[in-house]
Amino acid sequence: KAAAVPGVKLPKLSAAKRTKIKMSQLERRATLQRMCPKRRTLGSLSHKERYALLHHLIVDEKHKLLYCYVPKAACANWKKMIQVMEGRYPSFESIVKTNHTNLNFLWKYSQPEIERRQ
């Protein structure tokens, strides 16, 4: 059971909704365990795994940051934060909708540049 956070009221969820959330979390955990059992090089990944990884890694050169986003896990907030840190927007609140064209994804880099960032 999740610990209570002072001042935060969590909604009551039906048993079916809790089961759906639990199954989703188990699926995400299985994906992490499958993809991250040990440090692997990009060359050791299948074409499908490599494509997925390169399209989920955001590069922030200024802050030397690689962010691997996981959909539905606060990734929109992190994408907004990266854009503010890079100076693309003056504040977090000024971003109405995340603009993916403003983000630097690892797939946009050449092979030598990708290897340098591993």
PDB file of N, CA and C in Angstrom:
ATOM      1  N   LYS A   1       0.836  -1.179   0.000  1.00  0.00           N
ATOM      2  CA  LYS A   1       0.000   0.000   0.000  1.00  0.00           C
ATOM      3  C   LYS A   1       0.879   1.239   0.000  1.00  0.00           C
ATOM      4  N   ALA A   2       0.484   2.246  -0.783  1.00  0.00           N
ATOM      5  CA  ALA A   2       1.266   3.474  -0.894  1.00  0.00           C
ATOM      6  C   ALA A   2       1.175   4.282   0.388  1.00  0.00           C
ATOM      7  N   ALA A   3       2.276   4.937   0.725  1.00  0.00           N
ATOM      8  CA  ALA A   3       2.300   5.781   1.909  1.00  0.00           C
ATOM      9  C   ALA A   3       1.486   7.041   1.652  1.00  0.00           C
ATOM     10  N   ALA A   4       0.803   7.512   2.680  1.00  0.00           N
ATOM     11  CA  ALA A   4       0.013   8.735   2.564  1.00  0.00           C
ATOM     12  C   ALA A   4       0.941   9.941   2.485  1.00  0.00           C
ATOM     13  N   VAL A   5       0.573  10.887   1.651  1.00  0.00           N
ATOM     14  CA  VAL A   5       1.325  12.126   1.524  1.00  0.00           C
ATOM     15  C   VAL A   5       0.473  13.225   2.127  1.00  0.00           C
ATOM     16  N   PRO A   6       0.989  13.941   3.125  1.00  0.00           N
ATOM     17  CA  PRO A   6       0.196  14.997   3.762  1.00  0.00           C
ATOM     18  C   PRO A   6      -0.327  15.996   2.748  1.00  0.00           C
ATOM     19  N   GLY A   7      -1.610  16.305   2.844  1.00  0.00           N
ATOM     20  CA  GLY A   7      -2.234  17.288   1.965  1.00  0.00           C
ATOM     21  C   GLY A   7      -2.641  16.773   0.598  1.00  0.00           C
ATOM     22  N   VAL A   8      -2.400  15.502   0.319  1.00  0.00           N
ATOM     23  CA  VAL A   8      -2.753  14.938  -0.985  1.00  0.00           C
ATOM     24  C   VAL A   8      -3.825  13.881  -0.787  1.00  0.00           C
ATOM     25  N   LYS A   9      -4.958  14.095  -1.449  1.00  0.00           N
ATOM     26  CA  LYS A   9      -6.043  13.120  -1.384  1.00  0.00           C
ATOM     27  C   LYS A   9      -6.046  12.308  -2.663  1.00  0.00           C
ATOM     28  N   LEU A  10      -5.926  11.019  -2.501  1.00  0.00           N
ATOM     29  CA  LEU A  10      -5.956  10.132  -3.657  1.00  0.00           C
ATOM     30  C   LEU A  10      -7.381   9.692  -3.925  1.00  0.00           C
ATOM     31  N   PRO A  11      -7.751   9.553  -5.204  1.00  0.00           N
ATOM     32  CA  PRO A  11      -9.116   9.132  -5.516  1.00  0.00           C
ATOM     33  C   PRO A  11      -9.346   7.671  -5.136  1.00  0.00           C
ATOM     34  N   LYS A  12     -10.581   7.365  -4.813  1.00  0.00           N
ATOM     35  CA  LYS A  12     -10.954   5.967  -4.554  1.00  0.00           C
ATOM     36  C   LYS A  12     -11.022   5.281  -5.909  1.00  0.00           C
ATOM     37  N   LEU A  13     -10.398   4.118  -5.988  1.00  0.00           N
ATOM     38  CA  LEU A  13     -10.384   3.378  -7.246  1.00  0.00           C
ATOM     39  C   LEU A  13     -11.131   2.072  -7.091  1.00  0.00           C
ATOM     40  N   SER A  14     -11.811   1.692  -8.152  1.00  0.00           N
ATOM     41  CA  SER A  14     -12.502   0.408  -8.147  1.00  0.00           C
ATOM     42  C   SER A  14     -11.486  -0.713  -8.212  1.00  0.00           C
ATOM     43  N   ALA A  15     -11.895  -1.905  -7.858  1.00  0.00           N
ATOM     44  CA  ALA A  15     -11.008  -3.074  -7.911  1.00  0.00           C
ATOM     45  C   ALA A  15     -10.519  -3.300  -9.338  1.00  0.00           C
ATOM     46  N   ALA A  16     -11.396  -3.094 -10.314  1.00  0.00           N
ATOM     47  CA  ALA A  16     -11.020  -3.291 -11.719  1.00  0.00           C
ATOM     48  C   ALA A  16      -9.947  -2.283 -12.139  1.00  0.00           C
ATOM     49  N   LYS A  17     -10.100  -1.037 -11.716  1.00  0.00           N
ATOM     50  CA  LYS A  17      -9.122   0.001 -12.051  1.00  0.00           C
ATOM     51  C   LYS A  17      -7.779  -0.290 -11.378  1.00  0.00           C
ATOM     52  N   ARG A  18      -7.810  -0.718 -10.112  1.00  0.00           N
ATOM     53  CA  ARG A  18      -6.573  -1.068  -9.413  1.00  0.00           C
ATOM     54  C   ARG A  18      -5.867  -2.225 -10.112  1.00  0.00           C
ATOM     55  N   THR A  19      -6.642  -3.216 -10.563  1.00  0.00           N
ATOM     56  CA  THR A  19      -6.066  -4.360 -11.281  1.00  0.00           C
ATOM     57  C   THR A  19      -5.440  -3.907 -12.590  1.00  0.00           C
ATOM     58  N   LYS A  20      -6.111  -3.024 -13.305  1.00  0.00           N
ATOM     59  CA  LYS A  20      -5.586  -2.514 -14.575  1.00  0.00           C
ATOM     60  C   LYS A  20      -4.277  -1.756 -14.349  1.00  0.00           C
ATOM     61  N   ILE A  21      -4.236  -0.942 -13.315  1.00  0.00           N
ATOM     62  CA  ILE A  21      -3.024  -0.185 -12.996  1.00  0.00           C
ATOM     63  C   ILE A  21      -1.900  -1.140 -12.611  1.00  0.00           C
ATOM     64  N   LYS A  22      -2.218  -2.132 -11.797  1.00  0.00           N
ATOM     65  CA  LYS A  22      -1.211  -3.099 -11.368  1.00  0.00           C
ATOM     66  C   LYS A  22      -0.644  -3.865 -12.566  1.00  0.00           C
ATOM     67  N   MET A  23      -1.497  -4.280 -13.493  1.00  0.00           N
ATOM     68  CA  MET A  23      -1.039  -5.003 -14.683  1.00  0.00           C
ATOM     69  C   MET A  23      -0.138  -4.111 -15.538  1.00  0.00           C
ATOM     70  N   SER A  24      -0.500  -2.846 -15.660  1.00  0.00           N
ATOM     71  CA  SER A  24       0.303  -1.896 -16.427  1.00  0.00           C
ATOM     72  C   SER A  24       1.684  -1.736 -15.796  1.00  0.00           C
ATOM     73  N   GLN A  25       1.726  -1.628 -14.479  1.00  0.00           N
ATOM     74  CA  GLN A  25       3.005  -1.488 -13.779  1.00  0.00           C
ATOM     75  C   GLN A  25       3.856  -2.751 -13.919  1.00  0.00           C
ATOM     76  N   LEU A  26       3.225  -3.909 -13.851  1.00  0.00           N
ATOM     77  CA  LEU A  26       3.957  -5.166 -14.027  1.00  0.00           C
ATOM     78  C   LEU A  26       4.552  -5.259 -15.428  1.00  0.00           C
ATOM     79  N   GLU A  27       3.793  -4.812 -16.416  1.00  0.00           N
ATOM     80  CA  GLU A  27       4.277  -4.815 -17.801  1.00  0.00           C
ATOM     81  C   GLU A  27       5.466  -3.874 -17.954  1.00  0.00           C
ATOM     82  N   ARG A  28       5.384  -2.689 -17.340  1.00  0.00           N
ATOM     83  CA  ARG A  28       6.493  -1.737 -17.402  1.00  0.00           C
ATOM     84  C   ARG A  28       7.728  -2.305 -16.713  1.00  0.00           C
ATOM     85  N   ARG A  29       7.532  -2.923 -15.556  1.00  0.00           N
ATOM     86  CA  ARG A  29       8.658  -3.513 -14.825  1.00  0.00           C
ATOM     87  C   ARG A  29       9.313  -4.618 -15.654  1.00  0.00           C
ATOM     88  N   ALA A  30       8.493  -5.448 -16.308  1.00  0.00           N
ATOM     89  CA  ALA A  30       9.037  -6.522 -17.146  1.00  0.00           C
ATOM     90  C   ALA A  30       9.857  -5.947 -18.296  1.00  0.00           C
ATOM     91  N   THR A  31       9.388  -4.853 -18.880  1.00  0.00           N
ATOM     92  CA  THR A  31      10.123  -4.201 -19.964  1.00  0.00           C
ATOM     93  C   THR A  31      11.475  -3.704 -19.463  1.00  0.00           C
ATOM     94  N   LEU A  32      11.484  -3.078 -18.293  1.00  0.00           N
ATOM     95  CA  LEU A  32      12.745  -2.603 -17.716  1.00  0.00           C
ATOM     96  C   LEU A  32      13.696  -3.754 -17.447  1.00  0.00           C
ATOM     97  N   GLN A  33      13.187  -4.826 -16.891  1.00  0.00           N
ATOM     98  CA  GLN A  33      14.039  -5.972 -16.584  1.00  0.00           C
ATOM     99  C   GLN A  33      14.578  -6.619 -17.860  1.00  0.00           C
ATOM    100  N   ARG A  34      13.772  -6.624 -18.911  1.00  0.00           N
ATOM    101  CA  ARG A  34      14.206  -7.219 -20.173  1.00  0.00           C
ATOM    102  C   ARG A  34      15.250  -6.333 -20.856  1.00  0.00           C
ATOM    103  N   MET A  35      15.049  -5.014 -20.800  1.00  0.00           N
ATOM    104  CA  MET A  35      15.932  -4.093 -21.509  1.00  0.00           C
ATOM    105  C   MET A  35      17.168  -3.699 -20.709  1.00  0.00           C
ATOM    106  N   CYS A  36      17.125  -3.822 -19.392  1.00  0.00           N
ATOM    107  CA  CYS A  36      18.209  -3.310 -18.562  1.00  0.00           C
ATOM    108  C   CYS A  36      18.860  -4.351 -17.648  1.00  0.00           C
ATOM    109  N   PRO A  37      18.973  -5.613 -18.055  1.00  0.00           N
ATOM    110  CA  PRO A  37      19.560  -6.586 -17.137  1.00  0.00           C
ATOM    111  C   PRO A  37      21.045  -6.346 -16.895  1.00  0.00           C
ATOM    112  N   LYS A  38      21.702  -5.770 -17.871  1.00  0.00           N
ATOM    113  CA  LYS A  38      23.114  -5.429 -17.750  1.00  0.00           C
ATOM    114  C   LYS A  38      23.395  -4.348 -18.784  1.00  0.00           C
ATOM    115  N   ARG A  39      24.497  -3.711 -18.630  1.00  0.00           N
ATOM    116  CA  ARG A  39      24.840  -2.649 -19.594  1.00  0.00           C
ATOM    117  C   ARG A  39      25.094  -3.298 -20.948  1.00  0.00           C
ATOM    118  N   ARG A  40      24.290  -2.911 -21.913  1.00  0.00           N
ATOM    119  CA  ARG A  40      24.428  -3.444 -23.262  1.00  0.00           C
ATOM    120  C   ARG A  40      24.800  -2.303 -24.194  1.00  0.00           C
ATOM    121  N   THR A  41      25.531  -2.623 -25.238  1.00  0.00           N
ATOM    122  CA  THR A  41      25.857  -1.620 -26.240  1.00  0.00           C
ATOM    123  C   THR A  41      24.722  -1.567 -27.252  1.00  0.00           C
ATOM    124  N   LEU A  42      24.643  -0.480 -27.974  1.00  0.00           N
ATOM    125  CA  LEU A  42      23.600  -0.360 -28.996  1.00  0.00           C
ATOM    126  C   LEU A  42      23.740  -1.441 -30.053  1.00  0.00           C
ATOM    127  N   GLY A  43      24.978  -1.841 -30.322  1.00  0.00           N
ATOM    128  CA  GLY A  43      25.219  -2.873 -31.320  1.00  0.00           C
ATOM    129  C   GLY A  43      24.663  -4.232 -30.930  1.00  0.00           C
ATOM    130  N   SER A  44      24.470  -4.460 -29.632  1.00  0.00           N
ATOM    131  CA  SER A  44      23.957  -5.758 -29.182  1.00  0.00           C
ATOM    132  C   SER A  44      22.429  -5.814 -29.196  1.00  0.00           C
ATOM    133  N   LEU A  45      21.779  -4.685 -29.482  1.00  0.00           N
ATOM    134  CA  LEU A  45      20.314  -4.654 -29.507  1.00  0.00           C
ATOM    135  C   LEU A  45      19.784  -5.070 -30.871  1.00  0.00           C
ATOM    136  N   SER A  46      18.586  -5.614 -30.878  1.00  0.00           N
ATOM    137  CA  SER A  46      17.939  -5.907 -32.159  1.00  0.00           C
ATOM    138  C   SER A  46      17.585  -4.579 -32.825  1.00  0.00           C
ATOM    139  N   HIS A  47      17.268  -4.623 -34.106  1.00  0.00           N
ATOM    140  CA  HIS A  47      16.900  -3.401 -34.832  1.00  0.00           C
ATOM    141  C   HIS A  47      15.708  -2.713 -34.154  1.00  0.00           C
ATOM    142  N   LYS A  48      14.721  -3.489 -33.759  1.00  0.00           N
ATOM    143  CA  LYS A  48      13.519  -2.941 -33.119  1.00  0.00           C
ATOM    144  C   LYS A  48      13.856  -2.293 -31.766  1.00  0.00           C
ATOM    145  N   GLU A  49      14.697  -2.958 -30.960  1.00  0.00           N
ATOM    146  CA  GLU A  49      15.092  -2.403 -29.666  1.00  0.00           C
ATOM    147  C   GLU A  49      15.910  -1.122 -29.844  1.00  0.00           C
ATOM    148  N   ARG A  50      16.834  -1.144 -30.810  1.00  0.00           N
ATOM    149  CA  ARG A  50      17.678   0.025 -31.072  1.00  0.00           C
ATOM    150  C   ARG A  50      16.819   1.212 -31.514  1.00  0.00           C
ATOM    151  N   TYR A  51      15.885   0.971 -32.417  1.00  0.00           N
ATOM    152  CA  TYR A  51      14.993   2.018 -32.902  1.00  0.00           C
ATOM    153  C   TYR A  51      14.207   2.624 -31.736  1.00  0.00           C
ATOM    154  N   ALA A  52      13.629   1.766 -30.897  1.00  0.00           N
ATOM    155  CA  ALA A  52      12.829   2.241 -29.761  1.00  0.00           C
ATOM    156  C   ALA A  52      13.678   3.056 -28.798  1.00  0.00           C
ATOM    157  N   LEU A  53      14.861   2.570 -28.494  1.00  0.00           N
ATOM    158  CA  LEU A  53      15.729   3.272 -27.550  1.00  0.00           C
ATOM    159  C   LEU A  53      16.154   4.631 -28.075  1.00  0.00           C
ATOM    160  N   LEU A  54      16.629   4.687 -29.309  1.00  0.00           N
ATOM    161  CA  LEU A  54      17.094   5.954 -29.870  1.00  0.00           C
ATOM    162  C   LEU A  54      15.979   6.978 -29.995  1.00  0.00           C
ATOM    163  N   HIS A  55      14.746   6.517 -30.157  1.00  0.00           N
ATOM    164  CA  HIS A  55      13.608   7.437 -30.264  1.00  0.00           C
ATOM    165  C   HIS A  55      13.046   7.839 -28.909  1.00  0.00           C
ATOM    166  N   HIS A  56      13.591   7.275 -27.827  1.00  0.00           N
ATOM    167  CA  HIS A  56      13.145   7.638 -26.475  1.00  0.00           C
ATOM    168  C   HIS A  56      14.241   8.322 -25.664  1.00  0.00           C
ATOM    169  N   LEU A  57      15.402   8.517 -26.256  1.00  0.00           N
ATOM    170  CA  LEU A  57      16.489   9.195 -25.556  1.00  0.00           C
ATOM    171  C   LEU A  57      16.580  10.643 -26.025  1.00  0.00           C
ATOM    172  N   ILE A  58      16.388  11.553 -25.079  1.00  0.00           N
ATOM    173  CA  ILE A  58      16.474  12.983 -25.359  1.00  0.00           C
ATOM    174  C   ILE A  58      17.831  13.468 -24.883  1.00  0.00           C
ATOM    175  N   VAL A  59      18.494  14.274 -25.704  1.00  0.00           N
ATOM    176  CA  VAL A  59      19.833  14.765 -25.411  1.00  0.00           C
ATOM    177  C   VAL A  59      19.763  16.255 -25.063  1.00  0.00           C
ATOM    178  N   ASP A  60      20.346  16.614 -23.927  1.00  0.00           N
ATOM    179  CA  ASP A  60      20.513  18.016 -23.535  1.00  0.00           C
ATOM    180  C   ASP A  60      22.013  18.243 -23.447  1.00  0.00           C
ATOM    181  N   GLU A  61      22.595  18.790 -24.509  1.00  0.00           N
ATOM    182  CA  GLU A  61      24.039  18.988 -24.592  1.00  0.00           C
ATOM    183  C   GLU A  61      24.535  19.940 -23.507  1.00  0.00           C
ATOM    184  N   LYS A  62      23.811  21.017 -23.288  1.00  0.00           N
ATOM    185  CA  LYS A  62      24.234  22.046 -22.334  1.00  0.00           C
ATOM    186  C   LYS A  62      24.449  21.469 -20.940  1.00  0.00           C
ATOM    187  N   HIS A  63      23.553  20.600 -20.503  1.00  0.00           N
ATOM    188  CA  HIS A  63      23.618  20.039 -19.152  1.00  0.00           C
ATOM    189  C   HIS A  63      24.183  18.612 -19.120  1.00  0.00           C
ATOM    190  N   LYS A  64      24.661  18.143 -20.282  1.00  0.00           N
ATOM    191  CA  LYS A  64      25.227  16.791 -20.409  1.00  0.00           C
ATOM    192  C   LYS A  64      24.257  15.756 -19.847  1.00  0.00           C
ATOM    193  N   LEU A  65      23.029  15.828 -20.350  1.00  0.00           N
ATOM    194  CA  LEU A  65      21.956  14.985 -19.858  1.00  0.00           C
ATOM    195  C   LEU A  65      21.376  14.127 -20.975  1.00  0.00           C
ATOM    196  N   LEU A  66      21.213  12.842 -20.703  1.00  0.00           N
ATOM    197  CA  LEU A  66      20.454  11.943 -21.568  1.00  0.00           C
ATOM    198  C   LEU A  66      19.239  11.523 -20.760  1.00  0.00           C
ATOM    199  N   TYR A  67      18.057  11.741 -21.311  1.00  0.00           N
ATOM    200  CA  TYR A  67      16.830  11.373 -20.603  1.00  0.00           C
ATOM    201  C   TYR A  67      16.094  10.338 -21.433  1.00  0.00           C
ATOM    202  N   CYS A  68      15.889   9.176 -20.868  1.00  0.00           N
ATOM    203  CA  CYS A  68      15.126   8.117 -21.525  1.00  0.00           C
ATOM    204  C   CYS A  68      13.712   8.185 -20.977  1.00  0.00           C
ATOM    205  N   TYR A  69      12.802   8.670 -21.794  1.00  0.00           N
ATOM    206  CA  TYR A  69      11.449   8.842 -21.280  1.00  0.00           C
ATOM    207  C   TYR A  69      10.629   7.570 -21.416  1.00  0.00           C
ATOM    208  N   VAL A  70       9.760   7.387 -20.450  1.00  0.00           N
ATOM    209  CA  VAL A  70       8.823   6.271 -20.420  1.00  0.00           C
ATOM    210  C   VAL A  70       7.425   6.881 -20.510  1.00  0.00           C
ATOM    211  N   PRO A  71       6.692   6.612 -21.595  1.00  0.00           N
ATOM    212  CA  PRO A  71       5.359   7.195 -21.736  1.00  0.00           C
ATOM    213  C   PRO A  71       4.471   6.909 -20.523  1.00  0.00           C
ATOM    214  N   LYS A  72       3.691   7.901 -20.153  1.00  0.00           N
ATOM    215  CA  LYS A  72       2.738   7.827 -19.040  1.00  0.00           C
ATOM    216  C   LYS A  72       3.421   7.744 -17.681  1.00  0.00           C
ATOM    217  N   ALA A  73       4.665   8.226 -17.597  1.00  0.00           N
ATOM    218  CA  ALA A  73       5.383   8.232 -16.321  1.00  0.00           C
ATOM    219  C   ALA A  73       5.988   9.625 -16.102  1.00  0.00           C
ATOM    220  N   ALA A  74       5.136  10.640 -16.202  1.00  0.00           N
ATOM    221  CA  ALA A  74       5.525  12.051 -16.037  1.00  0.00           C
ATOM    222  C   ALA A  74       6.506  12.523 -17.100  1.00  0.00           C
ATOM    223  N   CYS A  75       6.542  11.858 -18.232  1.00  0.00           N
ATOM    224  CA  CYS A  75       7.513  12.240 -19.255  1.00  0.00           C
ATOM    225  C   CYS A  75       7.208  13.616 -19.854  1.00  0.00           C
ATOM    226  N   ALA A  76       5.952  14.004 -19.950  1.00  0.00           N
ATOM    227  CA  ALA A  76       5.627  15.323 -20.497  1.00  0.00           C
ATOM    228  C   ALA A  76       6.213  16.417 -19.609  1.00  0.00           C
ATOM    229  N   ASN A  77       6.138  16.229 -18.299  1.00  0.00           N
ATOM    230  CA  ASN A  77       6.710  17.220 -17.383  1.00  0.00           C
ATOM    231  C   ASN A  77       8.220  17.305 -17.531  1.00  0.00           C
ATOM    232  N   TRP A  78       8.883  16.163 -17.667  1.00  0.00           N
ATOM    233  CA  TRP A  78      10.334  16.175 -17.842  1.00  0.00           C
ATOM    234  C   TRP A  78      10.717  16.796 -19.181  1.00  0.00           C
ATOM    235  N   LYS A  79       9.949  16.516 -20.225  1.00  0.00           N
ATOM    236  CA  LYS A  79      10.233  17.116 -21.533  1.00  0.00           C
ATOM    237  C   LYS A  79      10.099  18.637 -21.455  1.00  0.00           C
ATOM    238  N   LYS A  80       9.075  19.105 -20.740  1.00  0.00           N
ATOM    239  CA  LYS A  80       8.918  20.547 -20.551  1.00  0.00           C
ATOM    240  C   LYS A  80      10.093  21.118 -19.772  1.00  0.00           C
ATOM    241  N   MET A  81      10.502  20.425 -18.716  1.00  0.00           N
ATOM    242  CA  MET A  81      11.612  20.899 -17.894  1.00  0.00           C
ATOM    243  C   MET A  81      12.896  20.999 -18.716  1.00  0.00           C
ATOM    244  N   ILE A  82      13.141  20.015 -19.562  1.00  0.00           N
ATOM    245  CA  ILE A  82      14.342  20.051 -20.410  1.00  0.00           C
ATOM    246  C   ILE A  82      14.291  21.257 -21.339  1.00  0.00           C
ATOM    247  N   GLN A  83      13.139  21.539 -21.904  1.00  0.00           N
ATOM    248  CA  GLN A  83      13.009  22.679 -22.815  1.00  0.00           C
ATOM    249  C   GLN A  83      13.233  24.005 -22.086  1.00  0.00           C
ATOM    250  N   VAL A  84      12.784  24.094 -20.835  1.00  0.00           N
ATOM    251  CA  VAL A  84      13.032  25.307 -20.039  1.00  0.00           C
ATOM    252  C   VAL A  84      14.525  25.407 -19.718  1.00  0.00           C
ATOM    253  N   MET A  85      15.144  24.287 -19.311  1.00  0.00           N
ATOM    254  CA  MET A  85      16.575  24.283 -18.989  1.00  0.00           C
ATOM    255  C   MET A  85      17.423  24.689 -20.194  1.00  0.00           C
ATOM    256  N   GLU A  86      16.984  24.276 -21.393  1.00  0.00           N
ATOM    257  CA  GLU A  86      17.724  24.615 -22.614  1.00  0.00           C
ATOM    258  C   GLU A  86      17.464  26.052 -23.069  1.00  0.00           C
ATOM    259  N   GLY A  87      16.526  26.747 -22.406  1.00  0.00           N
ATOM    260  CA  GLY A  87      16.232  28.131 -22.742  1.00  0.00           C
ATOM    261  C   GLY A  87      15.236  28.304 -23.864  1.00  0.00           C
ATOM    262  N   ARG A  88      14.538  27.249 -24.239  1.00  0.00           N
ATOM    263  CA  ARG A  88      13.560  27.340 -25.325  1.00  0.00           C
ATOM    264  C   ARG A  88      12.269  28.030 -24.882  1.00  0.00           C
ATOM    265  N   TYR A  89      11.992  27.996 -23.577  1.00  0.00           N
ATOM    266  CA  TYR A  89      10.833  28.653 -22.989  1.00  0.00           C
ATOM    267  C   TYR A  89      11.272  29.352 -21.718  1.00  0.00           C
ATOM    268  N   PRO A  90      10.610  30.477 -21.365  1.00  0.00           N
ATOM    269  CA  PRO A  90      11.021  31.211 -20.162  1.00  0.00           C
ATOM    270  C   PRO A  90      10.663  30.516 -18.847  1.00  0.00           C
ATOM    271  N   SER A  91       9.601  29.723 -18.869  1.00  0.00           N
ATOM    272  CA  SER A  91       9.178  29.052 -17.639  1.00  0.00           C
ATOM    273  C   SER A  91       8.398  27.786 -17.972  1.00  0.00           C
ATOM    274  N   PHE A  92       8.297  26.933 -16.985  1.00  0.00           N
ATOM    275  CA  PHE A  92       7.537  25.691 -17.116  1.00  0.00           C
ATOM    276  C   PHE A  92       6.084  25.994 -17.464  1.00  0.00           C
ATOM    277  N   GLU A  93       5.511  26.983 -16.779  1.00  0.00           N
ATOM    278  CA  GLU A  93       4.104  27.335 -16.958  1.00  0.00           C
ATOM    279  C   GLU A  93       3.799  27.918 -18.341  1.00  0.00           C
ATOM    280  N   SER A  94       4.826  28.435 -19.017  1.00  0.00           N
ATOM    281  CA  SER A  94       4.598  29.056 -20.330  1.00  0.00           C
ATOM    282  C   SER A  94       4.408  28.027 -21.444  1.00  0.00           C
ATOM    283  N   ILE A  95       4.655  26.750 -21.156  1.00  0.00           N
ATOM    284  CA  ILE A  95       4.510  25.704 -22.168  1.00  0.00           C
ATOM    285  C   ILE A  95       3.100  25.136 -22.073  1.00  0.00           C
ATOM    286  N   VAL A  96       2.305  25.384 -23.091  1.00  0.00           N
ATOM    287  CA  VAL A  96       0.932  24.878 -23.108  1.00  0.00           C
ATOM    288  C   VAL A  96       0.919  23.417 -23.538  1.00  0.00           C
ATOM    289  N   LYS A  97       1.652  23.115 -24.582  1.00  0.00           N
ATOM    290  CA  LYS A  97       1.729  21.747 -25.095  1.00  0.00           C
ATOM    291  C   LYS A  97       3.184  21.446 -25.433  1.00  0.00           C
ATOM    292  N   THR A  98       3.639  20.261 -25.063  1.00  0.00           N
ATOM    293  CA  THR A  98       5.024  19.882 -25.343  1.00  0.00           C
ATOM    294  C   THR A  98       5.249  19.789 -26.844  1.00  0.00           C
ATOM    295  N   ASN A  99       6.276  20.483 -27.307  1.00  0.00           N
ATOM    296  CA  ASN A  99       6.621  20.497 -28.716  1.00  0.00           C
ATOM    297  C   ASN A  99       7.825  19.580 -28.919  1.00  0.00           C
ATOM    298  N   HIS A 100       7.593  18.416 -29.503  1.00  0.00           N
ATOM    299  CA  HIS A 100       8.675  17.444 -29.679  1.00  0.00           C
ATOM    300  C   HIS A 100       9.712  17.882 -30.701  1.00  0.00           C
ATOM    301  N   THR A 101       9.358  18.803 -31.571  1.00  0.00           N
ATOM    302  CA  THR A 101      10.331  19.249 -32.572  1.00  0.00           C
ATOM    303  C   THR A 101      11.431  20.086 -31.920  1.00  0.00           C
ATOM    304  N   ASN A 102      11.184  20.594 -30.711  1.00  0.00           N
ATOM    305  CA  ASN A 102      12.192  21.366 -29.984  1.00  0.00           C
ATOM    306  C   ASN A 102      13.186  20.482 -29.239  1.00  0.00           C
ATOM    307  N   LEU A 103      12.947  19.196 -29.193  1.00  0.00           N
ATOM    308  CA  LEU A 103      13.788  18.291 -28.426  1.00  0.00           C
ATOM    309  C   LEU A 103      14.826  17.617 -29.320  1.00  0.00           C
ATOM    310  N   ASN A 104      16.000  17.377 -28.755  1.00  0.00           N
ATOM    311  CA  ASN A 104      17.062  16.681 -29.480  1.00  0.00           C
ATOM    312  C   ASN A 104      17.021  15.207 -29.095  1.00  0.00           C
ATOM    313  N   PHE A 105      16.589  14.380 -30.017  1.00  0.00           N
ATOM    314  CA  PHE A 105      16.553  12.942 -29.777  1.00  0.00           C
ATOM    315  C   PHE A 105      17.844  12.322 -30.283  1.00  0.00           C
ATOM    316  N   LEU A 106      18.285  11.263 -29.625  1.00  0.00           N
ATOM    317  CA  LEU A 106      19.551  10.633 -29.978  1.00  0.00           C
ATOM    318  C   LEU A 106      19.554  10.090 -31.405  1.00  0.00           C
ATOM    319  N   TRP A 107      18.400   9.687 -31.935  1.00  0.00           N
ATOM    320  CA  TRP A 107      18.358   9.146 -33.295  1.00  0.00           C
ATOM    321  C   TRP A 107      18.762  10.174 -34.346  1.00  0.00           C
ATOM    322  N   LYS A 108      18.744  11.460 -34.005  1.00  0.00           N
ATOM    323  CA  LYS A 108      19.097  12.509 -34.959  1.00  0.00           C
ATOM    324  C   LYS A 108      20.610  12.652 -35.140  1.00  0.00           C
ATOM    325  N   TYR A 109      21.383  11.989 -34.276  1.00  0.00           N
ATOM    326  CA  TYR A 109      22.834  12.100 -34.308  1.00  0.00           C
ATOM    327  C   TYR A 109      23.449  11.047 -35.221  1.00  0.00           C
ATOM    328  N   SER A 110      24.676  11.322 -35.670  1.00  0.00           N
ATOM    329  CA  SER A 110      25.405  10.349 -36.495  1.00  0.00           C
ATOM    330  C   SER A 110      25.859   9.196 -35.600  1.00  0.00           C
ATOM    331  N   GLN A 111      26.254   8.098 -36.214  1.00  0.00           N
ATOM    332  CA  GLN A 111      26.696   6.914 -35.460  1.00  0.00           C
ATOM    333  C   GLN A 111      27.871   7.247 -34.519  1.00  0.00           C
ATOM    334  N   PRO A 112      28.911   7.948 -35.003  1.00  0.00           N
ATOM    335  CA  PRO A 112      30.014   8.300 -34.078  1.00  0.00           C
ATOM    336  C   PRO A 112      29.550   9.175 -32.909  1.00  0.00           C
ATOM    337  N   GLU A 113      28.611  10.110 -33.186  1.00  0.00           N
ATOM    338  CA  GLU A 113      28.103  10.983 -32.124  1.00  0.00           C
ATOM    339  C   GLU A 113      27.285  10.174 -31.096  1.00  0.00           C
ATOM    340  N   ILE A 114      26.534   9.196 -31.575  1.00  0.00           N
ATOM    341  CA  ILE A 114      25.752   8.340 -30.691  1.00  0.00           C
ATOM    342  C   ILE A 114      26.689   7.535 -29.797  1.00  0.00           C
ATOM    343  N   GLU A 115      27.725   6.951 -30.394  1.00  0.00           N
ATOM    344  CA  GLU A 115      28.669   6.133 -29.632  1.00  0.00           C
ATOM    345  C   GLU A 115      29.395   6.961 -28.572  1.00  0.00           C
ATOM    346  N   ARG A 116      29.696   8.202 -28.881  1.00  0.00           N
ATOM    347  CA  ARG A 116      30.379   9.091 -27.930  1.00  0.00           C
ATOM    348  C   ARG A 116      29.503   9.373 -26.713  1.00  0.00           C
ATOM    349  N   ARG A 117      28.189   9.290 -26.890  1.00  0.00           N
ATOM    350  CA  ARG A 117      27.252   9.604 -25.807  1.00  0.00           C
ATOM    351  C   ARG A 117      26.820   8.375 -25.015  1.00  0.00           C
ATOM    352  N   GLN A 118      27.263   7.208 -25.381  1.00  0.00           N
ATOM    353  CA  GLN A 118      26.871   5.981 -24.669  1.00  0.00           C
ATOM    354  C   GLN A 118      27.453   5.949 -23.282  1.00  0.00           C
TER     355      GLN A 118
END
